Amino acid sequence: MKKIAFACEGNKGLESEMSMHFGRCPFFMMVDVDGKDVKKTEAVANPFFNGHVPGAVPDFINKQHANVMIAGGMGPKAIDMFNGFGIEVVTGVGGQVGNVLNAYLDGKVSGTAPCKHDHGDSCGGH
């Protein structure tokens, strides 16, 4: 069993669109999977959506018991924090959560591409 957190723009389950930046997304879609079978999806509001609090989101996702964090973009310090909690990070993905989930479970997406410190274009212009 694995719990995967997706930074997303909406709360439409697997049809939600991925967010370009994990810290500024309105929701995290939490997906419990067993092998390739989806067991549960839950939209969790990002309590830090309206204010950037460095280090708060990795701690929040850790407290949700996630094993994996998938986002469009993420800074190197956040990646290090997630890794410190033992949470795998995957960045550089976009589209619907369900499509990204399937690609991840099929081994087609993995690894991180840290966005620039100034959160330029590689993080959606934030």
N, C-alpha and C. Protein backbone atom coordinates (compact mmCIF):
# COMPACT_ATOMS: atom_id res chain seq x y z
N MET A 1 0.84 -1.18 0.00
CA MET A 1 0.00 0.00 0.00
C MET A 1 0.89 1.24 0.00
N LYS A 2 0.52 2.21 -0.83
CA LYS A 2 1.29 3.44 -0.96
C LYS A 2 0.31 4.61 -1.00
N LYS A 3 0.68 5.72 -0.35
CA LYS A 3 -0.13 6.93 -0.41
C LYS A 3 0.66 7.97 -1.20
N ILE A 4 0.04 8.44 -2.29
CA ILE A 4 0.67 9.39 -3.19
C ILE A 4 -0.07 10.72 -3.09
N ALA A 5 0.68 11.79 -2.86
CA ALA A 5 0.12 13.14 -2.82
C ALA A 5 0.40 13.84 -4.14
N PHE A 6 -0.63 14.44 -4.72
CA PHE A 6 -0.51 15.19 -5.97
C PHE A 6 -0.85 16.65 -5.70
N ALA A 7 0.00 17.57 -6.11
CA ALA A 7 -0.32 18.99 -6.04
C ALA A 7 -1.26 19.29 -7.19
N CYS A 8 -2.48 19.73 -6.88
CA CYS A 8 -3.44 19.93 -7.96
C CYS A 8 -4.25 21.21 -7.78
N GLU A 9 -4.90 21.59 -8.87
CA GLU A 9 -5.67 22.84 -8.93
C GLU A 9 -7.11 22.66 -8.48
N GLY A 10 -7.62 21.46 -8.49
CA GLY A 10 -9.02 21.24 -8.15
C GLY A 10 -9.22 20.06 -7.25
N ASN A 11 -10.48 19.82 -6.90
CA ASN A 11 -10.82 18.70 -6.03
C ASN A 11 -11.76 17.73 -6.73
N LYS A 12 -11.44 17.42 -8.00
CA LYS A 12 -12.26 16.53 -8.82
C LYS A 12 -11.68 15.13 -8.90
N GLY A 13 -11.03 14.69 -7.86
CA GLY A 13 -10.48 13.34 -7.84
C GLY A 13 -9.40 13.16 -8.89
N LEU A 14 -9.43 12.04 -9.57
CA LEU A 14 -8.41 11.73 -10.57
C LEU A 14 -8.51 12.62 -11.81
N GLU A 15 -9.62 13.36 -11.94
CA GLU A 15 -9.79 14.27 -13.07
C GLU A 15 -9.23 15.66 -12.77
N SER A 16 -8.74 15.89 -11.56
CA SER A 16 -8.16 17.18 -11.20
C SER A 16 -6.92 17.44 -12.03
N GLU A 17 -6.66 18.71 -12.32
CA GLU A 17 -5.47 19.11 -13.07
C GLU A 17 -4.31 19.32 -12.11
N MET A 18 -3.13 18.86 -12.52
CA MET A 18 -1.92 19.06 -11.74
C MET A 18 -1.60 20.55 -11.65
N SER A 19 -0.96 20.93 -10.55
CA SER A 19 -0.52 22.31 -10.35
C SER A 19 0.95 22.41 -10.75
N MET A 20 1.34 23.57 -11.25
CA MET A 20 2.73 23.77 -11.64
C MET A 20 3.65 23.95 -10.44
N HIS A 21 3.10 24.30 -9.27
CA HIS A 21 3.95 24.51 -8.09
C HIS A 21 3.26 23.97 -6.85
N PHE A 22 3.91 23.06 -6.17
CA PHE A 22 3.28 22.36 -5.05
C PHE A 22 2.89 23.30 -3.90
N GLY A 23 3.67 24.33 -3.62
CA GLY A 23 3.39 25.20 -2.48
C GLY A 23 2.25 26.16 -2.70
N ARG A 24 1.91 26.38 -3.96
CA ARG A 24 0.85 27.34 -4.28
C ARG A 24 -0.37 26.67 -4.91
N CYS A 25 -0.52 25.39 -4.68
CA CYS A 25 -1.69 24.69 -5.20
C CYS A 25 -2.82 24.78 -4.17
N PRO A 26 -4.07 24.85 -4.60
CA PRO A 26 -5.17 24.91 -3.64
C PRO A 26 -5.48 23.58 -2.96
N PHE A 27 -5.16 22.47 -3.63
CA PHE A 27 -5.48 21.15 -3.09
C PHE A 27 -4.33 20.17 -3.28
N PHE A 28 -4.34 19.16 -2.43
CA PHE A 28 -3.51 17.98 -2.61
C PHE A 28 -4.47 16.81 -2.78
N MET A 29 -4.31 16.07 -3.87
CA MET A 29 -5.12 14.87 -4.06
C MET A 29 -4.32 13.72 -3.46
N MET A 30 -4.88 13.10 -2.44
CA MET A 30 -4.23 11.98 -1.78
C MET A 30 -4.82 10.70 -2.37
N VAL A 31 -3.96 9.86 -2.91
CA VAL A 31 -4.42 8.64 -3.58
C VAL A 31 -3.73 7.44 -2.93
N ASP A 32 -4.54 6.55 -2.38
CA ASP A 32 -4.03 5.30 -1.82
C ASP A 32 -4.06 4.24 -2.91
N VAL A 33 -2.92 3.61 -3.15
CA VAL A 33 -2.85 2.55 -4.16
C VAL A 33 -2.26 1.29 -3.55
N ASP A 34 -2.74 0.18 -4.05
CA ASP A 34 -2.20 -1.13 -3.69
C ASP A 34 -1.77 -1.75 -5.01
N GLY A 35 -0.46 -1.78 -5.25
CA GLY A 35 0.03 -2.18 -6.57
C GLY A 35 -0.38 -1.12 -7.57
N LYS A 36 -1.26 -1.48 -8.51
CA LYS A 36 -1.78 -0.51 -9.48
C LYS A 36 -3.25 -0.21 -9.25
N ASP A 37 -3.80 -0.73 -8.16
CA ASP A 37 -5.22 -0.54 -7.86
C ASP A 37 -5.43 0.66 -6.95
N VAL A 38 -6.27 1.60 -7.41
CA VAL A 38 -6.61 2.76 -6.59
C VAL A 38 -7.64 2.32 -5.55
N LYS A 39 -7.29 2.53 -4.29
CA LYS A 39 -8.17 2.13 -3.19
C LYS A 39 -8.98 3.30 -2.65
N LYS A 40 -8.40 4.51 -2.71
CA LYS A 40 -9.10 5.67 -2.14
C LYS A 40 -8.50 6.94 -2.71
N THR A 41 -9.34 7.94 -2.96
CA THR A 41 -8.88 9.28 -3.31
C THR A 41 -9.52 10.27 -2.35
N GLU A 42 -8.76 11.28 -1.97
CA GLU A 42 -9.28 12.29 -1.06
C GLU A 42 -8.62 13.63 -1.38
N ALA A 43 -9.44 14.66 -1.58
CA ALA A 43 -8.92 16.01 -1.79
C ALA A 43 -8.70 16.65 -0.42
N VAL A 44 -7.49 17.14 -0.20
CA VAL A 44 -7.15 17.82 1.05
C VAL A 44 -6.76 19.25 0.70
N ALA A 45 -7.45 20.21 1.30
CA ALA A 45 -7.13 21.61 1.04
C ALA A 45 -5.73 21.94 1.55
N ASN A 46 -5.01 22.73 0.78
CA ASN A 46 -3.68 23.17 1.17
C ASN A 46 -3.84 24.31 2.19
N PRO A 47 -3.50 24.07 3.46
CA PRO A 47 -3.70 25.11 4.47
C PRO A 47 -2.75 26.30 4.30
N PHE A 48 -1.78 26.19 3.42
CA PHE A 48 -0.80 27.25 3.20
C PHE A 48 -0.96 27.90 1.83
N PHE A 49 -2.12 27.66 1.19
CA PHE A 49 -2.39 28.15 -0.16
C PHE A 49 -2.23 29.67 -0.26
N ASN A 50 -2.72 30.41 0.71
CA ASN A 50 -2.70 31.87 0.65
C ASN A 50 -1.43 32.51 1.20
N GLY A 51 -0.54 31.72 1.75
CA GLY A 51 0.67 32.30 2.31
C GLY A 51 1.82 31.33 2.26
N HIS A 52 2.93 31.76 1.71
CA HIS A 52 4.11 30.90 1.59
C HIS A 52 4.79 30.78 2.95
N VAL A 53 4.86 29.56 3.46
CA VAL A 53 5.52 29.28 4.72
C VAL A 53 6.59 28.23 4.43
N PRO A 54 7.85 28.65 4.25
CA PRO A 54 8.90 27.69 3.91
C PRO A 54 8.95 26.50 4.88
N GLY A 55 8.95 25.31 4.33
CA GLY A 55 9.04 24.09 5.12
C GLY A 55 7.72 23.55 5.63
N ALA A 56 6.66 24.34 5.53
CA ALA A 56 5.38 23.91 6.10
C ALA A 56 4.71 22.80 5.28
N VAL A 57 4.77 22.90 3.96
CA VAL A 57 4.08 21.90 3.13
C VAL A 57 4.73 20.52 3.25
N PRO A 58 6.06 20.40 3.19
CA PRO A 58 6.63 19.06 3.37
C PRO A 58 6.22 18.43 4.71
N ASP A 59 6.21 19.22 5.77
CA ASP A 59 5.79 18.71 7.08
C ASP A 59 4.32 18.29 7.04
N PHE A 60 3.47 19.11 6.41
CA PHE A 60 2.05 18.80 6.29
C PHE A 60 1.82 17.50 5.52
N ILE A 61 2.51 17.34 4.40
CA ILE A 61 2.36 16.12 3.59
C ILE A 61 2.88 14.90 4.36
N ASN A 62 3.95 15.07 5.10
CA ASN A 62 4.45 13.98 5.94
C ASN A 62 3.40 13.56 6.97
N LYS A 63 2.72 14.52 7.55
CA LYS A 63 1.68 14.21 8.55
C LYS A 63 0.45 13.56 7.94
N GLN A 64 0.32 13.66 6.61
CA GLN A 64 -0.76 12.96 5.90
C GLN A 64 -0.37 11.51 5.60
N HIS A 65 0.85 11.13 5.99
CA HIS A 65 1.39 9.78 5.81
C HIS A 65 1.62 9.41 4.35
N ALA A 66 1.96 10.42 3.54
CA ALA A 66 2.25 10.15 2.13
C ALA A 66 3.64 9.55 1.97
N ASN A 67 3.78 8.66 0.98
CA ASN A 67 5.07 8.06 0.64
C ASN A 67 5.70 8.74 -0.56
N VAL A 68 4.86 9.40 -1.38
CA VAL A 68 5.31 10.00 -2.63
C VAL A 68 4.63 11.36 -2.77
N MET A 69 5.38 12.35 -3.26
CA MET A 69 4.83 13.68 -3.57
C MET A 69 5.09 13.94 -5.04
N ILE A 70 4.01 14.20 -5.80
CA ILE A 70 4.14 14.46 -7.23
C ILE A 70 3.62 15.86 -7.52
N ALA A 71 4.45 16.66 -8.21
CA ALA A 71 4.08 18.04 -8.50
C ALA A 71 4.69 18.49 -9.81
N GLY A 72 4.16 19.59 -10.34
CA GLY A 72 4.73 20.15 -11.55
C GLY A 72 6.12 20.71 -11.30
N GLY A 73 6.25 21.50 -10.24
CA GLY A 73 7.54 22.11 -9.92
C GLY A 73 7.74 22.21 -8.42
N MET A 74 9.01 22.26 -8.02
CA MET A 74 9.36 22.31 -6.60
C MET A 74 10.80 22.78 -6.47
N GLY A 75 11.06 23.58 -5.48
CA GLY A 75 12.42 24.06 -5.24
C GLY A 75 13.29 23.01 -4.59
N PRO A 76 14.61 23.16 -4.70
CA PRO A 76 15.54 22.16 -4.17
C PRO A 76 15.47 21.98 -2.65
N LYS A 77 15.19 23.04 -1.91
CA LYS A 77 15.11 22.90 -0.44
C LYS A 77 13.91 22.05 -0.05
N ALA A 78 12.80 22.24 -0.73
CA ALA A 78 11.61 21.43 -0.44
C ALA A 78 11.87 19.97 -0.80
N ILE A 79 12.52 19.74 -1.93
CA ILE A 79 12.85 18.37 -2.32
C ILE A 79 13.69 17.71 -1.23
N ASP A 80 14.68 18.44 -0.72
CA ASP A 80 15.52 17.90 0.36
C ASP A 80 14.70 17.60 1.61
N MET A 81 13.76 18.48 1.92
CA MET A 81 12.92 18.25 3.11
C MET A 81 12.06 16.99 2.94
N PHE A 82 11.43 16.86 1.77
CA PHE A 82 10.62 15.66 1.52
C PHE A 82 11.49 14.41 1.63
N ASN A 83 12.66 14.45 1.01
CA ASN A 83 13.57 13.30 1.07
C ASN A 83 13.98 13.00 2.50
N GLY A 84 14.15 14.05 3.32
CA GLY A 84 14.48 13.86 4.73
C GLY A 84 13.39 13.12 5.49
N PHE A 85 12.15 13.28 5.06
CA PHE A 85 11.03 12.55 5.66
C PHE A 85 10.88 11.15 5.06
N GLY A 86 11.71 10.83 4.07
CA GLY A 86 11.60 9.54 3.40
C GLY A 86 10.52 9.52 2.33
N ILE A 87 10.12 10.69 1.87
CA ILE A 87 9.07 10.80 0.85
C ILE A 87 9.73 10.97 -0.51
N GLU A 88 9.39 10.08 -1.43
CA GLU A 88 9.88 10.17 -2.81
C GLU A 88 9.25 11.39 -3.49
N VAL A 89 10.03 12.12 -4.26
CA VAL A 89 9.53 13.30 -4.97
C VAL A 89 9.64 13.08 -6.47
N VAL A 90 8.55 13.41 -7.18
CA VAL A 90 8.53 13.38 -8.64
C VAL A 90 8.04 14.75 -9.10
N THR A 91 8.80 15.40 -9.95
CA THR A 91 8.39 16.71 -10.47
C THR A 91 8.48 16.73 -11.99
N GLY A 92 8.02 17.84 -12.54
CA GLY A 92 8.09 18.02 -13.99
C GLY A 92 6.96 17.36 -14.74
N VAL A 93 5.83 17.15 -14.07
CA VAL A 93 4.69 16.50 -14.71
C VAL A 93 3.50 17.46 -14.76
N GLY A 94 2.61 17.23 -15.69
CA GLY A 94 1.40 18.04 -15.83
C GLY A 94 0.28 17.21 -16.39
N GLY A 95 -0.91 17.79 -16.43
CA GLY A 95 -2.08 17.08 -16.95
C GLY A 95 -3.01 16.66 -15.82
N GLN A 96 -3.85 15.69 -16.11
CA GLN A 96 -4.79 15.19 -15.11
C GLN A 96 -4.10 14.23 -14.15
N VAL A 97 -4.52 14.31 -12.89
CA VAL A 97 -3.95 13.46 -11.85
C VAL A 97 -4.00 11.99 -12.24
N GLY A 98 -5.13 11.53 -12.77
CA GLY A 98 -5.27 10.12 -13.14
C GLY A 98 -4.25 9.68 -14.17
N ASN A 99 -3.99 10.53 -15.17
CA ASN A 99 -3.01 10.20 -16.20
C ASN A 99 -1.60 10.16 -15.62
N VAL A 100 -1.30 11.12 -14.75
CA VAL A 100 0.02 11.16 -14.11
C VAL A 100 0.19 9.94 -13.20
N LEU A 101 -0.86 9.59 -12.47
CA LEU A 101 -0.82 8.41 -11.60
C LEU A 101 -0.52 7.16 -12.42
N ASN A 102 -1.23 6.98 -13.51
CA ASN A 102 -1.00 5.80 -14.35
C ASN A 102 0.42 5.76 -14.89
N ALA A 103 0.93 6.91 -15.33
CA ALA A 103 2.31 6.96 -15.84
C ALA A 103 3.30 6.63 -14.72
N TYR A 104 3.04 7.13 -13.52
CA TYR A 104 3.93 6.84 -12.38
C TYR A 104 3.90 5.34 -12.05
N LEU A 105 2.71 4.78 -11.98
CA LEU A 105 2.58 3.36 -11.64
C LEU A 105 3.18 2.46 -12.72
N ASP A 106 3.20 2.95 -13.96
CA ASP A 106 3.82 2.19 -15.07
C ASP A 106 5.32 2.45 -15.18
N GLY A 107 5.87 3.27 -14.27
CA GLY A 107 7.30 3.55 -14.28
C GLY A 107 7.73 4.52 -15.37
N LYS A 108 6.78 5.29 -15.91
CA LYS A 108 7.10 6.20 -17.01
C LYS A 108 7.47 7.60 -16.55
N VAL A 109 7.20 7.93 -15.30
CA VAL A 109 7.63 9.21 -14.73
C VAL A 109 8.30 8.95 -13.41
N SER A 110 9.43 9.61 -13.20
CA SER A 110 10.16 9.48 -11.94
C SER A 110 11.18 10.59 -11.89
N GLY A 111 11.73 10.81 -10.73
CA GLY A 111 12.81 11.77 -10.57
C GLY A 111 12.35 13.20 -10.40
N THR A 112 13.32 14.05 -10.10
CA THR A 112 13.01 15.45 -9.82
C THR A 112 13.80 16.38 -10.73
N ALA A 113 13.18 17.48 -11.02
CA ALA A 113 13.82 18.57 -11.76
C ALA A 113 13.54 19.84 -10.97
N PRO A 114 14.44 20.20 -10.05
CA PRO A 114 14.16 21.37 -9.20
C PRO A 114 13.93 22.62 -10.03
N CYS A 115 12.95 23.40 -9.60
CA CYS A 115 12.73 24.67 -10.28
C CYS A 115 13.74 25.68 -9.79
N LYS A 116 13.87 26.76 -10.53
CA LYS A 116 14.83 27.80 -10.19
C LYS A 116 14.45 28.44 -8.86
N HIS A 117 15.44 28.96 -8.17
CA HIS A 117 15.21 29.60 -6.88
C HIS A 117 14.21 30.74 -6.99
N ASP A 118 14.23 31.46 -8.11
CA ASP A 118 13.31 32.59 -8.26
C ASP A 118 11.93 32.16 -8.72
N HIS A 119 11.72 30.85 -8.82
CA HIS A 119 10.43 30.30 -9.26
C HIS A 119 9.99 30.88 -10.59
N GLY A 120 10.92 30.87 -11.54
CA GLY A 120 10.66 31.37 -12.87
C GLY A 120 9.80 30.42 -13.68
N ASP A 121 9.99 30.41 -14.97
CA ASP A 121 9.12 29.66 -15.88
C ASP A 121 9.04 28.18 -15.57
N SER A 122 10.07 27.58 -15.00
CA SER A 122 10.01 26.15 -14.76
C SER A 122 9.02 25.78 -13.67
N CYS A 123 8.49 26.77 -12.96
CA CYS A 123 7.48 26.52 -11.94
C CYS A 123 6.17 27.21 -12.28
N GLY A 124 5.97 27.48 -13.54
CA GLY A 124 4.71 28.08 -13.94
C GLY A 124 4.66 29.59 -13.73
N GLY A 125 5.80 30.22 -13.59
CA GLY A 125 5.84 31.66 -13.49
C GLY A 125 5.49 32.21 -12.13
N HIS A 126 5.54 31.39 -11.10
CA HIS A 126 5.19 31.87 -9.74
C HIS A 126 6.39 32.53 -9.10
